[in-house]
N, C-alpha and C. Protein backbone atom coordinates (compact mmCIF):
# COMPACT_ATOMS: atom_id res chain seq x y z
N MET A 1 128.41 26.71 124.00
CA MET A 1 127.35 26.63 122.78
C MET A 1 127.57 27.77 122.52
N ASP A 2 128.14 28.17 120.51
CA ASP A 2 127.39 28.63 120.24
C ASP A 2 126.37 29.08 119.99
N ILE A 3 126.63 30.83 120.04
CA ILE A 3 125.55 31.76 120.45
C ILE A 3 125.14 32.46 119.57
N SER A 4 125.91 32.38 118.56
CA SER A 4 125.52 33.12 117.14
C SER A 4 124.26 32.79 116.37
N TYR A 5 123.36 31.33 116.90
CA TYR A 5 122.95 30.39 116.12
C TYR A 5 121.51 31.10 117.96
N GLY A 6 120.56 30.10 117.14
CA GLY A 6 119.43 30.42 118.61
C GLY A 6 119.36 30.13 119.68
N TYR A 7 118.60 30.48 120.75
CA TYR A 7 118.77 29.67 121.42
C TYR A 7 117.91 29.12 122.97
N TRP A 8 118.19 29.03 124.24
CA TRP A 8 116.64 28.54 124.97
C TRP A 8 117.38 29.55 125.98
N LEU A 9 116.24 30.44 126.91
CA LEU A 9 116.32 30.58 128.59
C LEU A 9 115.41 29.95 129.25
N PHE A 10 115.64 29.28 130.09
CA PHE A 10 114.50 29.35 131.13
C PHE A 10 115.10 29.34 132.12
N GLU A 11 113.91 30.07 133.14
CA GLU A 11 114.79 30.63 134.67
C GLU A 11 113.41 30.02 135.26
N PHE A 12 113.57 30.20 136.52
CA PHE A 12 113.10 30.83 138.01
C PHE A 12 113.24 31.19 138.99
N ARG A 13 113.04 31.85 139.66
CA ARG A 13 113.08 32.06 141.41
C ARG A 13 112.25 32.22 142.38
N PRO A 14 112.76 32.16 143.40
CA PRO A 14 111.56 32.23 144.96
C PRO A 14 111.02 33.84 144.27
N LYS A 15 109.87 33.54 144.51
CA LYS A 15 109.24 35.41 144.82
C LYS A 15 109.76 35.87 145.68
N VAL A 16 109.76 34.96 146.56
CA VAL A 16 109.99 36.34 148.42
C VAL A 16 111.65 34.96 148.60
N PRO A 17 112.62 36.26 148.36
CA PRO A 17 114.21 36.00 148.34
C PRO A 17 114.46 35.43 150.23
N VAL A 18 115.08 34.22 149.70
CA VAL A 18 115.42 33.17 150.48
C VAL A 18 115.68 33.86 151.59
N ALA A 19 115.61 33.23 153.14
CA ALA A 19 116.64 34.13 154.79
C ALA A 19 118.14 33.50 154.23
N GLU A 20 118.43 32.86 154.14
CA GLU A 20 119.12 31.35 154.16
C GLU A 20 119.90 31.00 152.68
N PRO A 21 121.40 31.54 152.60
CA PRO A 21 121.92 30.78 151.42
C PRO A 21 121.47 28.52 151.65
N LEU A 22 120.77 28.24 150.31
CA LEU A 22 120.43 27.10 150.42
C LEU A 22 121.91 26.65 150.25
N PRO A 23 122.33 25.01 151.11
CA PRO A 23 123.18 24.79 150.81
C PRO A 23 123.56 23.84 149.72
N LEU A 24 124.51 23.99 148.86
CA LEU A 24 125.77 23.11 147.54
C LEU A 24 124.75 21.48 147.95
N PRO A 25 125.28 21.21 149.02
CA PRO A 25 125.00 19.14 148.86
C PRO A 25 123.32 19.36 148.90
N GLU A 26 122.20 20.44 149.36
CA GLU A 26 121.07 20.90 149.47
C GLU A 26 120.63 20.95 148.01
N LEU A 27 121.39 22.09 147.48
CA LEU A 27 120.60 22.12 145.78
C LEU A 27 121.36 20.71 144.82
N LYS A 28 122.48 20.50 145.13
CA LYS A 28 122.84 19.28 144.22
C LYS A 28 121.60 18.64 144.34
N GLN A 29 120.41 17.64 145.12
CA GLN A 29 119.79 17.05 145.97
C GLN A 29 118.63 16.71 145.65
N VAL A 30 118.03 18.56 145.49
CA VAL A 30 117.26 18.48 144.29
C VAL A 30 117.00 18.68 143.25
N VAL A 31 117.88 18.95 142.67
CA VAL A 31 118.01 18.65 141.78
C VAL A 31 118.22 17.42 140.80
N VAL A 32 118.97 16.43 142.01
CA VAL A 32 118.79 14.79 141.37
C VAL A 32 117.56 14.25 141.76
N ASP A 33 116.60 14.84 142.68
CA ASP A 33 115.33 13.94 143.14
C ASP A 33 113.76 14.87 142.25
N ASN A 34 114.63 15.58 141.15
CA ASN A 34 113.41 16.71 139.97
C ASN A 34 113.15 16.35 139.25
N MET A 35 114.48 15.74 138.96
CA MET A 35 114.59 15.76 137.23
C MET A 35 113.81 14.71 136.25
N ALA A 36 112.87 16.17 135.35
CA ALA A 36 112.18 15.00 134.18
C ALA A 36 112.13 14.12 132.95
N GLN A 37 112.12 13.25 133.61
CA GLN A 37 113.33 11.84 133.44
C GLN A 37 111.97 11.31 132.11
N LEU A 38 111.66 12.22 131.39
CA LEU A 38 110.41 11.76 129.95
C LEU A 38 110.55 11.27 128.92
N ARG A 39 111.75 11.59 128.65
CA ARG A 39 112.65 10.66 128.07
C ARG A 39 113.87 10.63 127.42
N GLN A 40 114.74 9.98 126.45
CA GLN A 40 115.97 9.40 126.61
C GLN A 40 117.46 11.23 127.66
N TRP A 41 116.86 11.77 127.40
CA TRP A 41 118.30 13.18 127.57
C TRP A 41 116.67 13.18 128.62
N PRO A 42 117.19 13.44 130.20
CA PRO A 42 116.21 13.83 131.04
C PRO A 42 117.06 15.66 131.11
N PHE A 43 116.20 16.18 131.77
CA PHE A 43 116.21 17.48 132.48
C PHE A 43 115.86 18.39 134.06
N PRO A 44 116.43 18.68 134.88
CA PRO A 44 118.71 19.34 133.68
C PRO A 44 119.11 17.80 133.65
N HIS A 45 120.14 17.96 132.60
CA HIS A 45 120.54 16.73 132.90
C HIS A 45 122.80 17.14 133.05
N VAL A 46 122.57 15.95 133.55
CA VAL A 46 123.63 15.33 134.76
C VAL A 46 125.17 14.22 133.97
N VAL A 47 125.56 15.31 133.41
CA VAL A 47 126.47 14.38 132.81
C VAL A 47 127.84 13.16 133.45
N SER A 48 128.38 12.30 132.53
CA SER A 48 128.62 11.48 134.12
C SER A 48 129.88 11.85 134.97
N HIS A 49 130.48 12.99 134.35
CA HIS A 49 131.48 13.61 135.47
C HIS A 49 130.90 14.94 137.38
N GLY A 50 129.58 14.49 136.64
CA GLY A 50 129.09 15.20 137.81
C GLY A 50 128.65 16.27 137.82
N ILE A 51 128.25 16.95 138.51
CA ILE A 51 127.88 18.60 139.07
C ILE A 51 129.35 18.90 139.38
N THR A 52 129.23 20.34 139.17
CA THR A 52 130.40 21.69 139.33
C THR A 52 129.81 21.79 140.36
N GLU A 53 130.39 22.34 140.93
CA GLU A 53 130.48 23.19 142.58
C GLU A 53 130.91 25.03 141.96
N GLU A 54 130.42 25.67 142.55
CA GLU A 54 130.72 26.94 141.89
C GLU A 54 131.04 27.62 143.05
N ARG A 55 131.31 28.69 143.87
CA ARG A 55 130.83 29.71 144.61
C ARG A 55 129.70 30.17 145.68
N TYR A 56 128.97 29.91 144.65
CA TYR A 56 127.48 30.13 145.10
C TYR A 56 126.77 29.63 144.09
N GLY A 57 126.45 28.39 144.13
CA GLY A 57 125.74 27.39 143.10
C GLY A 57 126.05 26.57 143.02
N ILE A 58 125.68 25.64 141.89
CA ILE A 58 126.41 24.55 141.35
C ILE A 58 126.05 24.54 139.18
N SER A 59 126.52 24.07 138.90
CA SER A 59 126.54 24.43 137.56
C SER A 59 126.62 22.77 136.87
N CYS A 60 126.43 22.54 135.75
CA CYS A 60 126.83 21.71 134.47
C CYS A 60 125.62 22.03 132.92
N SER A 61 127.20 21.20 132.69
CA SER A 61 127.08 21.84 130.92
C SER A 61 127.25 20.43 130.13
N ALA A 62 126.07 20.07 128.36
CA ALA A 62 126.46 19.37 128.58
C ALA A 62 125.86 18.93 127.04
N GLU A 63 126.52 18.22 126.11
CA GLU A 63 126.76 18.22 124.94
C GLU A 63 126.68 17.32 123.66
N CYS A 64 125.67 16.91 122.71
CA CYS A 64 126.05 15.88 122.72
C CYS A 64 124.98 16.01 120.87
N GLN A 65 125.25 15.65 119.33
CA GLN A 65 125.12 16.36 118.48
C GLN A 65 123.53 16.61 118.88
N GLY A 66 123.74 18.10 118.86
CA GLY A 66 123.31 19.39 118.66
C GLY A 66 122.29 19.56 119.66
N LEU A 67 121.70 18.75 120.24
CA LEU A 67 122.28 18.44 122.12
C LEU A 67 122.72 19.36 123.13
N CYS A 68 122.51 20.94 123.35
CA CYS A 68 123.64 21.55 123.91
C CYS A 68 122.65 22.70 125.79
N GLU A 69 123.38 22.12 126.18
CA GLU A 69 122.72 21.99 127.30
C GLU A 69 123.46 22.83 128.34
N HIS A 70 123.42 24.15 129.02
CA HIS A 70 123.94 25.08 130.09
C HIS A 70 122.89 24.42 131.39
N TRP A 71 123.33 24.35 132.70
CA TRP A 71 122.52 25.17 133.88
C TRP A 71 123.33 25.92 134.68
N LYS A 72 122.58 26.74 135.56
CA LYS A 72 123.28 26.97 136.97
C LYS A 72 122.27 27.09 137.61
N TYR A 73 122.32 26.31 138.93
CA TYR A 73 121.59 26.79 140.40
C TYR A 73 121.78 27.14 141.41
N SER A 74 121.47 28.77 141.89
CA SER A 74 122.43 29.58 142.54
C SER A 74 121.58 29.26 144.20
N GLN A 75 122.55 29.40 144.94
CA GLN A 75 122.08 29.09 146.75
C GLN A 75 121.28 30.76 147.03
N ASP A 76 120.70 31.30 145.89
CA ASP A 76 119.37 31.95 145.99
C ASP A 76 118.24 31.73 145.85
N GLY A 77 117.94 30.39 145.52
CA GLY A 77 117.35 29.64 144.74
C GLY A 77 116.49 29.43 143.29
N ARG A 78 117.65 30.24 142.53
CA ARG A 78 117.53 30.73 141.27
C ARG A 78 117.23 29.62 140.32
N PHE A 79 117.13 29.17 139.28
CA PHE A 79 117.54 28.15 138.61
C PHE A 79 117.65 28.73 137.55
N GLU A 80 118.35 28.62 136.43
CA GLU A 80 118.77 29.45 135.36
C GLU A 80 119.34 28.55 133.58
N ALA A 81 118.77 28.10 132.74
CA ALA A 81 119.12 27.07 131.29
C ALA A 81 119.19 27.80 130.43
N GLU A 82 120.70 27.24 129.97
CA GLU A 82 121.05 28.36 128.62
C GLU A 82 120.95 26.66 127.55
N PHE A 83 119.38 26.07 126.62
CA PHE A 83 119.77 25.55 125.74
C PHE A 83 120.64 25.75 124.28
N ALA A 84 121.22 24.99 122.97
CA ALA A 84 120.63 25.01 122.16
C ALA A 84 119.26 25.03 121.53
N MET A 85 119.01 25.70 120.38
CA MET A 85 117.66 25.48 119.48
C MET A 85 118.48 24.07 118.19
N ILE A 86 117.76 23.22 118.94
CA ILE A 86 118.84 21.85 117.96
C ILE A 86 118.43 21.57 116.68
N GLU A 87 117.16 22.86 116.11
CA GLU A 87 117.03 22.91 114.95
C GLU A 87 118.20 23.72 114.10
N ASP A 88 118.94 24.06 114.50
CA ASP A 88 120.39 24.59 113.94
C ASP A 88 121.74 23.99 113.39
N TYR A 89 121.17 23.24 114.19
CA TYR A 89 122.08 21.70 114.14
C TYR A 89 122.08 20.21 113.59
N MET A 90 120.80 20.20 113.27
CA MET A 90 120.76 18.92 112.30
C MET A 90 120.85 18.17 111.19
N MET A 91 121.19 20.03 110.70
CA MET A 91 122.37 19.17 109.02
C MET A 91 122.18 20.79 108.55
N GLU A 92 123.51 20.09 107.67
CA GLU A 92 124.50 20.87 106.85
C GLU A 92 124.01 22.66 107.36
N ASN A 93 123.30 22.28 106.35
CA ASN A 93 123.14 23.65 106.24
C ASN A 93 121.53 24.09 106.34
N PRO A 94 120.94 24.14 107.74
CA PRO A 94 120.00 24.14 108.16
C PRO A 94 118.96 25.02 108.13
N GLU A 95 117.61 24.90 107.66
CA GLU A 95 116.74 25.62 107.89
C GLU A 95 116.19 26.36 109.13
N ARG A 96 115.62 27.81 108.63
CA ARG A 96 115.40 29.16 109.77
C ARG A 96 114.36 27.84 109.93
N SER A 97 114.22 26.80 111.37
CA SER A 97 112.57 26.63 111.70
C SER A 97 112.29 25.95 113.17
N LEU A 98 111.18 26.05 113.22
CA LEU A 98 110.90 25.29 115.03
C LEU A 98 110.52 23.94 115.07
N TYR A 99 110.55 23.22 115.69
CA TYR A 99 109.53 21.96 115.45
C TYR A 99 108.86 22.35 116.67
N VAL A 100 107.45 21.54 116.54
CA VAL A 100 107.11 22.05 117.54
C VAL A 100 106.38 20.82 118.39
N THR A 101 107.12 19.39 118.13
CA THR A 101 106.77 18.63 119.22
C THR A 101 107.57 19.20 120.34
N SER A 102 108.99 19.05 119.74
CA SER A 102 110.10 18.87 120.71
C SER A 102 110.27 20.39 121.62
N THR A 103 109.68 21.56 121.05
CA THR A 103 109.32 22.95 121.62
C THR A 103 108.38 22.53 122.85
N LEU A 104 107.57 21.12 122.93
CA LEU A 104 106.42 21.17 123.49
C LEU A 104 106.92 20.21 124.60
N HIS A 105 107.28 19.80 124.21
CA HIS A 105 108.69 18.68 125.40
C HIS A 105 108.79 18.82 126.11
N ARG A 106 110.02 20.26 125.41
CA ARG A 106 111.03 20.85 126.42
C ARG A 106 110.24 21.55 127.47
N ILE A 107 109.09 22.70 126.95
CA ILE A 107 108.38 23.30 127.66
C ILE A 107 107.83 22.62 129.19
N THR A 108 106.86 21.52 128.43
CA THR A 108 106.52 20.65 129.64
C THR A 108 107.54 20.03 130.60
N GLU A 109 108.61 19.36 129.75
CA GLU A 109 109.49 18.90 130.74
C GLU A 109 110.35 19.99 132.34
N GLY A 110 110.73 21.31 131.42
CA GLY A 110 111.08 22.50 131.82
C GLY A 110 110.13 22.52 133.10
N LEU A 111 108.96 23.04 133.32
CA LEU A 111 107.56 23.11 134.22
C LEU A 111 107.35 21.61 134.95
N LEU A 112 107.36 20.08 134.19
CA LEU A 112 107.67 19.65 135.93
C LEU A 112 108.35 19.69 136.57
N PHE A 113 109.64 19.52 136.19
CA PHE A 113 111.03 20.14 137.28
C PHE A 113 110.45 21.08 137.88
N THR A 114 110.01 21.99 137.87
CA THR A 114 110.12 23.40 138.34
C THR A 114 109.31 23.06 139.38
N ALA A 115 107.73 22.23 139.43
CA ALA A 115 107.13 21.86 139.59
C ALA A 115 107.54 21.16 141.59
N GLY A 116 107.98 20.23 141.10
CA GLY A 116 109.12 19.00 141.58
C GLY A 116 110.38 20.23 142.60
N VAL A 117 110.59 21.15 142.35
CA VAL A 117 111.27 21.74 143.17
C VAL A 117 110.56 22.42 143.76
N SER A 118 110.05 23.66 143.35
CA SER A 118 108.60 23.78 144.25
C SER A 118 108.52 23.51 145.50
N LYS A 119 107.89 22.59 146.17
CA LYS A 119 107.76 21.72 146.62
C LYS A 119 108.95 21.99 147.90
N HIS A 120 110.11 22.29 147.57
CA HIS A 120 111.32 23.07 148.13
C HIS A 120 110.59 23.99 149.29
N ALA A 121 110.98 24.67 150.83
CA ALA A 121 110.46 25.77 151.07
C ALA A 121 111.31 26.98 150.87
N ALA A 122 111.98 26.64 149.82
CA ALA A 122 112.52 27.96 149.71
C ALA A 122 111.49 29.09 149.01
N TYR A 123 110.12 27.99 148.26
CA TYR A 123 109.86 28.40 147.18
C TYR A 123 108.34 28.79 147.75
N LYS A 124 107.40 28.45 148.47
CA LYS A 124 106.49 28.57 149.67
C LYS A 124 106.04 29.75 149.54
N GLY A 125 106.75 30.90 148.66
CA GLY A 125 105.81 32.35 149.17
C GLY A 125 105.71 32.11 147.40
N GLY A 126 105.79 32.20 146.31
CA GLY A 126 104.90 30.52 144.91
C GLY A 126 106.96 31.53 144.35
N LEU A 127 107.06 31.75 142.42
CA LEU A 127 107.76 31.15 141.78
C LEU A 127 108.02 32.56 140.78
N HIS A 128 108.56 33.04 140.56
CA HIS A 128 108.79 33.51 138.39
C HIS A 128 109.28 32.70 138.48
N ILE A 129 108.45 32.47 137.01
CA ILE A 129 109.80 31.17 135.94
C ILE A 129 109.19 32.89 134.85
N GLU A 130 110.55 32.47 133.83
CA GLU A 130 110.48 32.54 132.36
C GLU A 130 111.36 32.13 131.43
N LEU A 131 110.62 31.49 130.38
CA LEU A 131 111.30 31.50 129.60
C LEU A 131 111.25 32.22 128.36
N THR A 132 112.65 32.64 127.39
CA THR A 132 112.41 33.37 126.32
C THR A 132 113.36 32.28 125.39
N LEU A 133 113.33 33.23 123.80
CA LEU A 133 113.20 32.51 122.62
C LEU A 133 113.48 33.23 122.59
N THR A 134 115.41 33.13 121.18
CA THR A 134 115.83 34.39 120.33
C THR A 134 116.14 33.70 119.76
N ASP A 135 116.27 35.00 118.26
CA ASP A 135 116.72 34.72 117.00
C ASP A 135 115.38 33.06 116.47
N CYS A 136 114.23 34.09 116.51
CA CYS A 136 113.18 33.86 115.85
C CYS A 136 112.69 33.60 114.43
N GLU A 137 113.53 35.54 114.28
CA GLU A 137 112.59 36.14 112.86
C GLU A 137 113.35 35.10 111.31
N GLY A 138 112.09 35.21 110.85
CA GLY A 138 111.91 34.11 110.38
C GLY A 138 112.33 32.78 110.31
N ARG A 139 111.98 32.24 111.34
CA ARG A 139 111.93 31.02 111.33
C ARG A 139 110.06 30.74 110.74
N ARG A 140 110.43 28.85 110.64
CA ARG A 140 108.50 29.31 110.25
C ARG A 140 108.68 28.07 111.00
N LEU A 141 106.76 27.14 111.72
CA LEU A 141 107.01 26.53 112.12
C LEU A 141 107.15 25.30 111.66
N VAL A 142 107.32 23.72 112.40
CA VAL A 142 107.17 22.35 111.44
C VAL A 142 107.18 21.39 112.51
N PHE A 143 106.50 20.59 111.76
CA PHE A 143 105.90 19.08 112.57
C PHE A 143 106.88 18.34 112.52
N TRP A 144 106.63 17.35 112.73
CA TRP A 144 107.26 15.82 112.94
C TRP A 144 106.37 15.26 111.89
N GLU A 145 105.41 15.09 112.47
CA GLU A 145 104.88 14.18 112.08
C GLU A 145 103.91 14.27 110.90
N HIS A 146 103.23 15.80 110.27
CA HIS A 146 103.19 16.10 109.32
C HIS A 146 103.77 16.98 107.81
N PRO A 147 103.77 15.71 107.43
CA PRO A 147 104.62 16.68 106.12
C PRO A 147 103.75 17.27 105.88
N VAL A 148 102.61 16.49 105.35
CA VAL A 148 102.01 17.48 104.27
C VAL A 148 100.93 18.85 104.71
N TRP A 149 100.78 18.54 106.22
CA TRP A 149 100.69 19.96 106.82
C TRP A 149 102.56 21.20 106.41
N ASN A 150 102.80 20.77 106.63
CA ASN A 150 104.29 21.43 106.24
C ASN A 150 104.00 22.09 104.70
N MET A 151 103.81 21.24 103.76
CA MET A 151 103.84 21.86 102.70
C MET A 151 102.87 22.34 102.63
N MET A 152 101.55 22.18 103.11
CA MET A 152 100.80 23.30 102.59
C MET A 152 100.55 24.55 103.71
N HIS A 153 101.95 24.49 104.71
CA HIS A 153 101.53 26.48 105.44
C HIS A 153 102.82 26.41 105.74
N MET A 154 104.02 26.05 104.80
CA MET A 154 105.50 26.46 105.53
C MET A 154 105.12 28.05 105.23
N ASP A 155 104.92 28.67 104.62
CA ASP A 155 104.91 30.13 103.70
C ASP A 155 103.83 31.06 105.21
N GLU A 156 102.95 29.87 106.15
CA GLU A 156 101.95 30.37 106.43
C GLU A 156 103.05 30.68 107.87
N CYS A 157 102.77 29.40 108.59
CA CYS A 157 103.81 30.06 110.35
C CYS A 157 104.74 30.11 110.38
N VAL A 158 105.48 31.83 110.40
CA VAL A 158 106.20 31.83 110.78
C VAL A 158 106.69 33.41 111.62
N CYS A 159 107.51 33.07 111.93
CA CYS A 159 107.74 34.46 112.57
C CYS A 159 108.33 35.92 112.40
N SER A 160 107.43 36.59 112.55
CA SER A 160 107.86 37.37 111.72
C SER A 160 108.47 39.16 113.49
N SER A 161 109.38 38.32 114.78
CA SER A 161 109.09 39.24 115.40
C SER A 161 110.67 39.51 115.38
N ALA A 162 111.56 40.38 114.98
CA ALA A 162 112.87 40.70 115.53
C ALA A 162 112.77 40.57 117.06
N GLU A 163 112.53 40.69 118.23
CA GLU A 163 111.89 40.48 119.41
C GLU A 163 112.23 39.14 120.24
N PRO A 164 113.20 39.03 120.91
CA PRO A 164 112.49 37.13 121.50
C PRO A 164 111.31 37.45 122.31
N LEU A 165 111.33 36.01 122.19
CA LEU A 165 109.90 35.52 122.81
C LEU A 165 109.91 35.79 123.84
N VAL A 166 109.39 35.11 124.64
CA VAL A 166 109.37 35.56 125.85
C VAL A 166 107.99 35.19 126.85
N TRP A 167 107.67 34.50 127.36
CA TRP A 167 106.77 34.02 127.73
C TRP A 167 107.43 34.42 129.94
N ALA A 168 106.38 33.97 130.85
CA ALA A 168 106.78 35.07 132.07
C ALA A 168 105.96 34.65 132.83
N LYS A 169 105.95 34.25 133.70
CA LYS A 169 104.18 34.06 134.93
C LYS A 169 104.84 34.16 136.50
N ASP A 170 104.73 34.62 137.11
CA ASP A 170 104.40 34.29 138.65
C ASP A 170 103.16 33.76 139.21
N VAL A 171 103.28 32.20 139.70
CA VAL A 171 102.63 31.55 139.93
C VAL A 171 103.29 30.61 141.65
N GLU A 172 101.68 30.80 142.56
CA GLU A 172 101.73 29.61 143.79
C GLU A 172 102.31 28.55 143.53
N SER A 173 103.49 27.83 144.48
CA SER A 173 103.74 26.52 143.81
C SER A 173 102.98 25.67 143.77
N SER A 174 101.73 26.01 144.82
CA SER A 174 100.82 24.60 145.19
C SER A 174 99.66 24.20 143.15
N VAL A 175 100.15 25.62 142.95
CA VAL A 175 99.19 25.56 141.80
C VAL A 175 99.88 24.87 139.96
N LEU A 176 101.44 25.66 140.76
CA LEU A 176 102.23 25.03 139.52
C LEU A 176 102.50 23.47 139.81
N GLN A 177 102.88 22.08 140.57
CA GLN A 177 102.49 21.36 141.28
C GLN A 177 101.03 20.45 140.87
N MET A 178 99.77 22.30 140.37
CA MET A 178 98.60 20.44 140.17
C MET A 178 99.03 20.62 138.32
N PHE A 179 98.60 21.98 137.66
CA PHE A 179 99.01 22.35 136.61
C PHE A 179 99.52 22.62 136.19
N TYR A 180 100.69 21.98 135.58
CA TYR A 180 101.63 22.18 135.35
C TYR A 180 101.68 22.03 134.08
N ALA A 181 101.83 20.83 133.49
CA ALA A 181 101.07 20.80 131.88
C ALA A 181 100.39 22.15 131.26
N GLN A 182 99.77 22.29 131.80
CA GLN A 182 98.64 23.17 131.61
C GLN A 182 99.30 24.61 131.20
N LEU A 183 100.40 24.60 132.24
CA LEU A 183 100.55 25.86 132.41
C LEU A 183 101.77 25.96 131.32
N ALA A 184 102.23 25.02 130.65
CA ALA A 184 103.14 24.61 129.87
C ALA A 184 102.86 24.12 128.32
N MET A 185 101.47 24.32 128.38
CA MET A 185 100.99 23.92 126.93
C MET A 185 100.03 25.36 127.04
N GLU A 186 99.79 26.11 128.19
CA GLU A 186 99.75 28.10 127.65
C GLU A 186 101.19 28.53 127.31
N ALA A 187 102.34 28.40 128.09
CA ALA A 187 103.33 28.54 127.53
C ALA A 187 103.91 28.29 125.78
N SER A 188 102.99 26.85 125.40
CA SER A 188 104.18 26.86 123.96
C SER A 188 102.79 27.45 123.29
N LEU A 189 101.61 27.62 123.75
CA LEU A 189 100.74 28.35 122.97
C LEU A 189 100.95 29.90 122.20
N ALA A 190 100.98 30.30 123.58
CA ALA A 190 101.84 31.78 123.65
C ALA A 190 103.45 32.20 123.38
N ILE A 191 103.71 30.96 122.27
CA ILE A 191 105.21 30.94 121.58
C ILE A 191 104.88 30.90 120.59
N PHE A 192 104.29 29.90 119.95
CA PHE A 192 103.68 28.97 119.10
C PHE A 192 102.81 30.82 118.08
N GLY A 193 102.35 31.29 118.96
CA GLY A 193 100.74 32.38 118.99
C GLY A 193 101.87 33.69 117.73
N LYS A 194 103.53 33.03 118.21
CA LYS A 194 104.11 34.43 117.45
C LYS A 194 104.37 33.82 116.03
N PHE A 195 103.85 32.74 115.39
CA PHE A 195 104.16 31.86 114.61
C PHE A 195 102.72 31.84 114.00
N ALA A 196 101.93 32.93 113.68
CA ALA A 196 100.78 32.66 113.30
C ALA A 196 100.41 31.50 113.04
N MET A 197 100.40 30.86 114.13
CA MET A 197 99.86 28.94 114.29
C MET A 197 97.79 29.10 114.24
N THR A 198 98.06 27.80 113.43
CA THR A 198 96.49 28.03 113.36
C THR A 198 96.00 26.52 114.60
N ASP A 199 94.58 27.24 115.21
CA ASP A 199 93.98 26.59 115.45
C ASP A 199 93.89 25.34 115.12
N GLU A 200 93.70 24.78 113.99
CA GLU A 200 93.16 23.58 114.21
C GLU A 200 94.60 22.15 114.22
N LEU A 201 95.71 22.71 114.38
CA LEU A 201 96.46 21.58 115.20
C LEU A 201 96.52 21.51 117.10
N LEU A 202 95.70 21.80 117.71
CA LEU A 202 95.58 22.04 119.03
C LEU A 202 95.62 20.73 119.16
N ASP A 203 94.61 19.96 118.84
CA ASP A 203 94.59 18.85 119.00
C ASP A 203 95.94 17.63 118.60
N TYR A 204 96.31 17.90 118.48
CA TYR A 204 97.64 17.24 118.29
C TYR A 204 98.49 17.83 118.99
N MET A 205 98.36 18.91 119.63
CA MET A 205 99.88 19.49 120.31
C MET A 205 99.04 17.75 121.85
N GLN A 206 98.13 19.20 122.63
CA GLN A 206 97.51 18.15 123.84
C GLN A 206 97.48 16.53 123.45
N LYS A 207 97.39 15.83 122.45
CA LYS A 207 97.75 14.52 122.28
C LYS A 207 99.72 13.99 122.39
N GLU A 208 100.32 14.63 121.71
CA GLU A 208 101.62 14.44 121.88
C GLU A 208 102.26 14.94 123.16
N GLN A 209 101.69 16.05 123.85
CA GLN A 209 101.68 15.99 125.53
C GLN A 209 101.72 14.68 126.86
N ASP A 210 100.23 14.65 125.91
CA ASP A 210 99.98 13.12 127.17
C ASP A 210 100.86 11.48 126.28
N LYS A 211 100.97 12.03 125.07
CA LYS A 211 102.51 11.10 124.93
C LYS A 211 103.53 11.36 125.86
N LEU A 212 103.81 12.19 125.80
CA LEU A 212 104.99 12.61 126.58
C LEU A 212 105.00 12.19 128.49
N LEU A 213 103.81 12.85 128.84
CA LEU A 213 103.48 12.47 129.73
C LEU A 213 103.28 10.77 130.39
N SER A 214 102.34 10.18 129.48
CA SER A 214 102.41 8.94 129.79
C SER A 214 103.90 7.85 129.48
N GLY A 215 104.50 8.89 129.85
CA GLY A 215 106.10 7.68 129.14
C GLY A 215 105.89 7.44 127.56
N GLY A 216 105.21 7.73 126.58
CA GLY A 216 106.06 6.75 124.94
C GLY A 216 107.38 7.60 124.60
N TYR A 217 107.93 8.72 125.06
CA TYR A 217 108.68 8.81 124.18
C TYR A 217 109.67 8.90 125.38
N ARG A 218 109.76 7.24 126.47
CA ARG A 218 111.14 7.17 127.71
C ARG A 218 112.30 5.92 126.38
N LYS A 219 111.31 5.59 125.56
CA LYS A 219 111.82 4.59 125.08
C LYS A 219 113.26 5.10 123.59
């Protein structure tokens, strides 16, 4: 992945250090059992040649038509994923943008996966979750299904921050399992808030998340 473009970092770890390193076969099973399969590209993605075993964990890399992803799951319970910003790969000369719908989808999938993983005993003391977006300065929000809104507000919802955009939270496992969708909305709004997003599209975002969670994007 070319990190001269924008990219995401998504990670979580146990708040309480694990007593013993988690076995590699167990890490693999945790990933497979809890993959978020809400769209055609599941998260975390596992390529056909499978998961790579490393000295202290497992990892996998995948790339297809701008969907670039690398993740690593360590024996201390830390999960780290890096994604390319698909907006930078969609056109030969891409505009500086961030897609609202796919951003909301990705965050929801990440927290759904994390909620499933949090049922493992390693996370009984809760988790620290962190989401970072880099290279956002000058990007504007784009809505797939709202071309008129895009034209009207294209100069308004622009990120002015030169620093990475970060959302971080400590959460109990039981709370995450019950409220991952609400936390995904919280994280998305924290990111979009850096773009001066208006409140008028909150209903739109909720409908999009409901459609995702009900299987409307699996086709």
